[in-house]
Protein backbone atom coordinates (compact mmCIF):
# COMPACT_ATOMS: atom_id res chain seq x y z
CA MET A 1 198.11 52.03 133.92
CA PRO A 2 195.18 54.50 134.32
CA LEU A 3 192.27 52.46 136.26
CA SER A 4 189.21 51.59 134.21
CA GLN A 5 185.86 53.30 135.66
CA GLU A 6 185.02 50.12 137.31
CA GLN A 7 188.52 49.60 138.86
CA LEU A 8 188.21 53.31 140.01
CA GLN A 9 184.93 52.86 141.78
CA ARG A 10 186.28 49.87 143.45
CA ALA A 11 189.36 51.79 144.52
CA TRP A 12 187.24 54.44 146.18
CA ILE A 13 185.25 51.84 148.04
CA GLU A 14 188.32 49.99 149.26
CA TYR A 15 190.07 53.21 150.52
CA LYS A 16 187.11 54.89 151.90
CA VAL A 17 185.32 52.11 153.48
CA TYR A 18 188.23 49.60 154.10
CA LYS A 19 191.10 51.92 154.56
CA ASP A 20 193.02 49.92 151.96
CA PRO A 21 196.50 51.58 151.61
CA ARG A 22 197.03 49.87 148.23
CA ALA A 23 193.66 51.45 146.95
CA ARG A 24 194.89 54.89 148.47
CA PHE A 25 198.28 54.51 146.27
CA ASP A 26 196.27 53.34 143.00
CA LEU A 27 194.09 56.69 143.37
CA ILE A 28 197.03 58.89 143.92
CA ASN A 29 198.72 57.37 140.90
CA HIS A 30 195.78 57.34 138.62
CA TYR A 31 195.01 61.15 139.38
CA SER A 32 198.80 62.08 139.27
CA TYR A 33 198.28 63.66 135.69
CA LEU A 34 196.31 66.45 137.44
CA VAL A 35 199.43 67.69 139.10
CA LYS A 36 201.23 68.50 135.76
CA ILE A 37 198.33 69.79 134.12
CA THR A 38 197.55 72.24 137.04
CA ALA A 39 201.05 73.18 137.47
CA GLY A 40 201.62 74.01 133.90
CA ARG A 41 198.37 75.99 133.71
CA LEU A 42 199.13 77.84 137.00
CA VAL A 43 203.02 78.72 136.20
CA SER A 44 203.98 78.81 132.48
CA ASN A 45 207.40 80.10 133.31
CA VAL A 46 209.01 78.94 136.17
CA PRO A 47 210.49 81.52 138.39
CA ASN A 48 214.32 81.87 138.90
CA GLY A 49 215.69 79.66 141.56
CA LEU A 50 212.78 77.20 141.36
CA ASP A 51 212.48 73.89 139.24
CA ARG A 52 209.46 72.58 137.66
CA GLU A 53 209.84 69.63 139.84
CA ASP A 54 209.46 71.94 142.86
CA LEU A 55 205.95 72.92 141.48
CA VAL A 56 205.04 69.35 141.09
CA SER A 57 206.24 68.12 144.43
CA SER A 58 203.96 70.83 145.98
CA GLY A 59 201.24 69.79 143.88
CA VAL A 60 201.54 66.19 144.89
CA ILE A 61 201.11 67.32 148.30
CA GLY A 62 197.73 68.72 147.35
CA LEU A 63 196.75 65.64 145.42
CA ILE A 64 197.24 63.41 148.47
CA LYS A 65 195.34 65.75 150.79
CA SER A 66 192.62 65.72 148.16
CA VAL A 67 192.45 61.72 147.88
CA ASP A 68 192.48 61.69 151.74
CA GLN A 69 189.85 64.09 152.38
CA TYR A 70 187.32 63.59 149.46
CA ASP A 71 184.10 62.11 149.95
CA PRO A 72 182.74 60.32 146.94
CA SER A 73 179.03 60.73 148.40
CA ARG A 74 179.20 64.54 148.03
CA ASP A 75 177.68 66.33 144.86
CA VAL A 76 181.53 67.63 143.56
CA LYS A 77 183.50 65.76 141.02
CA PHE A 78 186.84 64.72 142.42
CA GLU A 79 188.82 66.33 139.65
CA THR A 80 187.33 69.77 140.56
CA TYR A 81 188.13 69.19 144.29
CA ALA A 82 191.59 67.88 143.49
CA ILE A 83 192.61 70.68 141.02
CA ALA A 84 191.61 73.30 143.74
CA LEU A 85 193.79 71.68 146.61
CA ILE A 86 196.55 71.30 144.05
CA ARG A 87 196.36 74.90 142.84
CA GLY A 88 196.39 76.01 146.67
CA ALA A 89 199.24 74.04 147.57
CA ILE A 90 201.61 75.37 144.65
CA LEU A 91 200.50 78.86 145.35
CA GLU A 92 201.31 78.50 148.94
CA MET A 93 204.80 77.55 148.19
CA LEU A 94 205.18 80.21 145.71
CA ARG A 95 204.09 82.69 148.30
CA ASP A 96 206.58 81.23 150.90
CA GLU A 97 209.45 81.39 148.38
CA ASP A 98 208.43 85.13 147.73
CA TRP A 99 210.30 84.77 144.29
CA VAL A 100 209.15 88.14 142.65
CA PRO A 101 211.92 90.64 142.61
CA ARG A 102 211.52 93.79 144.78
CA SER A 103 211.65 96.07 141.69
CA ILE A 104 208.80 94.04 140.08
CA ARG A 105 206.76 94.22 143.30
CA GLU A 106 206.95 97.77 143.33
CA LYS A 107 205.77 98.08 139.83
CA LEU A 108 202.93 95.73 140.54
CA LYS A 109 201.83 97.79 143.56
CA ALA A 110 201.99 101.02 141.44
CA LEU A 111 199.73 99.45 138.83
CA GLU A 112 197.27 98.06 141.62
CA ARG A 113 197.12 101.84 142.97
CA ALA A 114 196.62 103.27 139.59
CA GLN A 115 193.84 100.71 138.73
CA GLN A 116 191.99 101.78 142.15
CA LYS A 117 192.51 105.43 141.64
CA LEU A 118 191.27 105.43 138.09
CA GLU A 119 188.37 103.20 138.50
CA THR A 120 187.15 105.58 141.28
CA ALA A 121 187.73 108.52 138.99
CA LEU A 122 186.27 107.30 135.95
CA GLY A 123 183.57 105.19 137.37
CA LYS A 124 184.65 102.27 135.29
CA ALA A 125 187.68 99.90 134.85
CA PRO A 126 190.74 101.86 133.12
CA THR A 127 191.70 100.94 129.75
CA VAL A 128 195.38 99.92 128.98
CA ARG A 129 196.11 103.21 127.52
CA GLU A 130 194.53 105.20 130.61
CA LEU A 131 196.66 103.02 132.76
CA GLY A 132 199.69 103.79 130.58
CA ASP A 133 198.99 107.57 130.78
CA TYR A 134 198.91 107.44 134.52
CA LEU A 135 201.98 105.43 134.92
CA GLY A 136 204.02 106.79 132.17
CA MET A 137 204.33 103.56 130.30
CA THR A 138 203.78 102.18 126.92
CA ASP A 139 200.80 99.96 125.92
CA GLU A 140 203.11 97.26 125.80
CA GLU A 141 204.79 97.62 129.30
CA VAL A 142 201.40 97.78 130.77
CA ASP A 143 200.28 94.70 129.02
CA ASP A 144 203.42 92.86 130.57
CA LEU A 145 202.84 94.18 133.97
CA MET A 146 199.27 93.10 134.09
CA VAL A 147 200.40 89.56 132.87
CA ARG A 148 203.17 89.47 135.72
CA SER A 149 200.57 90.60 138.00
CA GLY A 150 198.33 87.99 137.19
CA ARG A 151 200.98 85.20 137.41
CA THR A 152 202.42 86.52 140.56
CA SER A 153 199.04 86.92 142.34
CA VAL A 154 197.82 84.39 144.82
CA PHE A 155 194.71 86.15 145.29
CA SER A 156 191.85 83.45 144.57
CA LEU A 157 188.57 82.54 145.82
CA ASP A 158 190.30 81.21 148.83
CA ASP A 159 191.37 84.66 149.63
CA VAL A 160 187.80 85.93 148.84
CA VAL A 161 186.47 83.73 151.73
CA GLY A 162 189.59 83.88 153.99
CA GLY A 163 191.48 81.37 156.02
CA THR A 164 191.98 80.58 159.81
CA SER A 165 196.06 80.11 159.42
CA ASP A 166 198.60 79.53 157.19
CA GLY A 167 200.58 76.28 156.35
CA ASP A 168 199.24 73.05 157.12
CA ASP A 169 196.15 74.25 158.74
CA HIS A 170 194.79 76.59 156.08
CA ILE A 171 191.58 76.02 155.06
CA HIS A 172 190.63 76.18 151.25
CA PHE A 173 187.10 77.15 150.40
CA ILE A 174 186.40 74.05 148.34
CA GLU A 175 187.44 71.95 151.62
CA MET A 176 184.48 73.78 153.44
CA ILE A 177 182.15 72.43 150.80
CA VAL A 178 183.61 68.66 150.49
CA ASP A 179 185.00 67.40 153.83
CA GLU A 180 184.15 63.95 154.96
CA ASP A 181 185.05 64.71 158.42
CA ALA A 182 182.94 67.90 158.62
CA SER A 183 180.71 68.28 161.70
CA PRO A 184 177.05 69.15 160.91
CA ASP A 185 177.86 72.70 161.82
CA GLY A 186 180.81 73.10 159.73
CA GLU A 187 178.79 71.50 156.74
CA ALA A 188 176.08 73.74 157.20
CA GLU A 189 178.68 76.82 157.08
CA GLY A 190 180.06 75.49 154.13
CA LYS A 191 176.52 75.36 152.19
CA GLU A 192 176.25 78.89 153.52
CA LEU A 193 179.38 80.17 152.26
CA ARG A 194 178.72 78.32 149.04
CA ARG A 195 175.21 79.87 148.45
CA ILE A 196 176.79 83.63 149.39
CA LEU A 197 179.69 83.24 147.06
CA ALA A 198 177.38 81.71 144.34
CA SER A 199 175.14 85.02 144.85
CA GLY A 200 178.21 87.32 144.53
CA VAL A 201 179.44 85.56 141.44
CA ASP A 202 176.09 85.88 140.09
CA ASN A 203 175.86 89.67 140.58
CA LEU A 204 179.34 90.35 138.69
CA PRO A 205 179.34 91.79 135.23
CA GLU A 206 178.94 89.39 132.48
CA ARG A 207 182.57 88.98 131.48
CA GLU A 208 183.80 88.96 134.90
CA ARG A 209 181.35 86.18 135.72
CA LEU A 210 182.49 84.42 132.52
CA VAL A 211 186.18 84.58 133.62
CA ILE A 212 185.56 83.28 137.03
CA ALA A 213 183.49 80.38 135.73
CA LEU A 214 186.09 79.39 133.11
CA TYR A 215 189.01 79.67 135.32
CA TYR A 216 187.86 77.94 138.31
CA PHE A 217 185.44 75.49 137.31
CA GLU A 218 186.20 74.95 133.51
CA GLY A 219 190.03 74.76 134.16
CA LEU A 220 191.14 77.03 131.32
CA THR A 221 194.07 79.05 131.58
CA PHE A 222 193.91 82.99 131.06
CA LYS A 223 195.28 82.65 127.63
CA GLU A 224 192.68 80.27 126.54
CA ILE A 225 189.89 82.47 128.21
CA GLY A 226 191.32 85.35 126.34
CA LYS A 227 190.75 83.44 123.06
CA VAL A 228 187.16 82.66 124.22
CA LEU A 229 186.33 86.33 125.03
CA GLY A 230 188.42 87.78 121.99
CA VAL A 231 190.71 89.94 124.27
CA SER A 232 194.07 89.82 125.14
CA GLU A 233 195.63 87.61 127.97
CA SER A 234 196.41 90.91 130.03
CA ARG A 235 192.87 91.81 129.84
CA VAL A 236 191.55 88.70 131.30
CA TYR A 237 194.11 89.30 134.27
CA GLN A 238 192.43 92.68 134.71
CA LEU A 239 188.96 91.18 134.59
CA HIS A 240 189.79 88.48 137.16
CA THR A 241 191.26 90.96 139.47
CA GLN A 242 188.31 93.15 139.30
CA ALA A 243 186.00 90.19 139.98
CA MET A 244 188.12 89.13 143.03
CA ALA A 245 187.90 92.67 144.32
CA ARG A 246 184.24 92.80 143.73
CA LEU A 247 183.70 89.53 145.34
CA ARG A 248 185.87 90.37 148.45
CA THR A 249 183.77 93.40 149.01
CA PHE A 250 180.61 91.50 148.60
CA MET A 251 181.74 88.65 151.17
CA LYS A 252 182.80 91.46 153.65
CA GLU A 253 179.45 93.04 153.51
CA GLN A 254 177.94 89.75 154.05
CA GLY A 255 180.21 89.41 157.00
CA THR A 256 181.77 86.00 155.80
CA ALA A 257 185.38 87.37 154.54
CA GLN A 258 188.39 87.58 156.54
CA VAL A 259 189.16 91.30 156.76
CA ALA A 260 192.83 91.62 155.47
């Protein structure tokens, strides 16, 4: 049974102040619904060789980490914090599995190169038709490839900021904003990163800025964002890719992003 608001507040106090393991279990159980929601939104079709339970298991690791690290006194909703860590845990598992066939990876790389060359040549983001002409594909083939690109990409705000390492020591951007064990220097760094990234987002073109807000902060899927904007799902993936590239360039210019 989900906890009432009063029980939830009490559980946070009992766990964070008194380190009660039962309260920790109750919190994890109460927020377990976030794992299935996030896994479902992140990967609508489970790749061959994986089971949806694999995604859920990875997501649970992210949920447990978020309960252990969350500081209720910070000005960030737990759900926002938890979803970011759950999403990161699932994406890391998919990255480790390397589940995309080589033939598809080659096409995705060709699409990325085409987008970069055409944007440079045209001075704007290429249309699906322009990409199709360049790659010798139909609009439908380009659309499908762009959707695949979005679903297989692990390029996110975490990648924009950069991490110190992989595996258990990988640091997610949101962990630098909300970390109960952060030192004063680390806390100041998190605030500065948040300020710089917010500035970068503010400088994005309107539609790209809206995609970032709806995806990362409102939790909408790319398909849902497409309905809001009145565009195709593949177009939303393209807008997201463009926004991430602009943000990474901006963060590098500010000297805060890890150079790939």
